[in-house]
Amino acid sequence: MAQDEIICNCNEIYKSEIVAAIKEKGLKTVEEVGEATGAGTICGGCLDDIQAVLDEVNG
């Protein structure tokens, strides 16, 4: 996934925003990412992509 790729189309949240939030706030779950960024909080279609970013960043 490219850093400038939109992960959440509903809220127009980019991967780079999610990565920054994960690193800055120590986020571990999709729910925490949603609370911090708004990603995945409307239709839920990007939840798997958010989990993939979490796995990539957190190992």
C-alpha atoms as a PDB file:
ATOM      1  CA  MET A   1       0.000   0.000   0.000  1.00  0.00           C
ATOM      2  CA  ALA A   2       1.292   3.426  -0.920  1.00  0.00           C
ATOM      3  CA  GLN A   3       1.422   6.037   1.852  1.00  0.00           C
ATOM      4  CA  ASP A   4      -0.843   8.395  -0.114  1.00  0.00           C
ATOM      5  CA  GLU A   5      -3.514   5.752  -0.745  1.00  0.00           C
ATOM      6  CA  ILE A   6      -7.010   6.508   0.544  1.00  0.00           C
ATOM      7  CA  ILE A   7      -7.965   3.799   3.027  1.00  0.00           C
ATOM      8  CA  CYS A   8     -11.348   5.163   4.130  1.00  0.00           C
ATOM      9  CA  ASN A   9     -13.284   6.593   1.209  1.00  0.00           C
ATOM     10  CA  CYS A  10     -16.242   7.722   3.337  1.00  0.00           C
ATOM     11  CA  ASN A  11     -14.121  10.014   5.520  1.00  0.00           C
ATOM     12  CA  GLU A  12     -11.296  10.513   3.004  1.00  0.00           C
ATOM     13  CA  ILE A  13      -8.625   9.189   5.388  1.00  0.00           C
ATOM     14  CA  TYR A  14      -5.234   8.397   3.868  1.00  0.00           C
ATOM     15  CA  LYS A  15      -2.880   5.630   4.910  1.00  0.00           C
ATOM     16  CA  SER A  16      -0.303   8.213   5.985  1.00  0.00           C
ATOM     17  CA  GLU A  17      -2.804   9.701   8.461  1.00  0.00           C
ATOM     18  CA  ILE A  18      -3.549   6.278   9.933  1.00  0.00           C
ATOM     19  CA  VAL A  19       0.157   5.392  10.193  1.00  0.00           C
ATOM     20  CA  ALA A  20       0.882   8.692  11.956  1.00  0.00           C
ATOM     21  CA  ALA A  21      -1.958   8.141  14.448  1.00  0.00           C
ATOM     22  CA  ILE A  22      -0.822   4.571  15.165  1.00  0.00           C
ATOM     23  CA  LYS A  23       2.743   5.700  15.825  1.00  0.00           C
ATOM     24  CA  GLU A  24       1.866   8.835  17.814  1.00  0.00           C
ATOM     25  CA  LYS A  25      -0.836   7.291  19.987  1.00  0.00           C
ATOM     26  CA  GLY A  26       0.294   3.660  20.165  1.00  0.00           C
ATOM     27  CA  LEU A  27      -2.935   2.395  18.628  1.00  0.00           C
ATOM     28  CA  LYS A  28      -3.425  -1.379  18.576  1.00  0.00           C
ATOM     29  CA  THR A  29      -6.973  -1.999  17.308  1.00  0.00           C
ATOM     30  CA  VAL A  30      -9.194  -1.022  14.393  1.00  0.00           C
ATOM     31  CA  GLU A  31     -11.571   0.553  16.905  1.00  0.00           C
ATOM     32  CA  GLU A  32      -8.813   2.763  18.324  1.00  0.00           C
ATOM     33  CA  VAL A  33      -7.887   3.879  14.800  1.00  0.00           C
ATOM     34  CA  GLY A  34     -11.533   4.744  14.178  1.00  0.00           C
ATOM     35  CA  GLU A  35     -11.741   6.804  17.356  1.00  0.00           C
ATOM     36  CA  ALA A  36      -8.491   8.635  16.556  1.00  0.00           C
ATOM     37  CA  THR A  37      -9.010   9.258  12.836  1.00  0.00           C
ATOM     38  CA  GLY A  38     -12.627   8.560  11.944  1.00  0.00           C
ATOM     39  CA  ALA A  39     -11.530   5.818   9.525  1.00  0.00           C
ATOM     40  CA  GLY A  40     -13.916   2.881   9.325  1.00  0.00           C
ATOM     41  CA  THR A  41     -16.696   4.556  11.264  1.00  0.00           C
ATOM     42  CA  ILE A  42     -19.285   4.945   8.499  1.00  0.00           C
ATOM     43  CA  CYS A  43     -19.719   1.938   6.195  1.00  0.00           C
ATOM     44  CA  GLY A  44     -16.998  -0.343   7.581  1.00  0.00           C
ATOM     45  CA  GLY A  45     -15.781  -1.350   4.148  1.00  0.00           C
ATOM     46  CA  CYS A  46     -12.188  -0.425   4.975  1.00  0.00           C
ATOM     47  CA  LEU A  47     -11.843  -2.313   8.275  1.00  0.00           C
ATOM     48  CA  ASP A  48      -9.689  -5.044   6.713  1.00  0.00           C
ATOM     49  CA  ASP A  49      -7.431  -2.395   5.168  1.00  0.00           C
ATOM     50  CA  ILE A  50      -7.100  -0.638   8.520  1.00  0.00           C
ATOM     51  CA  GLN A  51      -6.148  -3.947  10.136  1.00  0.00           C
ATOM     52  CA  ALA A  52      -3.537  -4.474   7.415  1.00  0.00           C
ATOM     53  CA  VAL A  53      -2.012  -1.054   8.189  1.00  0.00           C
ATOM     54  CA  LEU A  54      -1.996  -1.885  11.912  1.00  0.00           C
ATOM     55  CA  ASP A  55      -0.251  -5.195  11.217  1.00  0.00           C
ATOM     56  CA  GLU A  56       2.284  -3.465   8.966  1.00  0.00           C
ATOM     57  CA  VAL A  57       3.116  -0.771  11.517  1.00  0.00           C
ATOM     58  CA  ASN A  58       2.945  -2.835  14.705  1.00  0.00           C
ATOM     59  CA  GLY A  59       4.391  -6.037  13.277  1.00  0.00           C
END
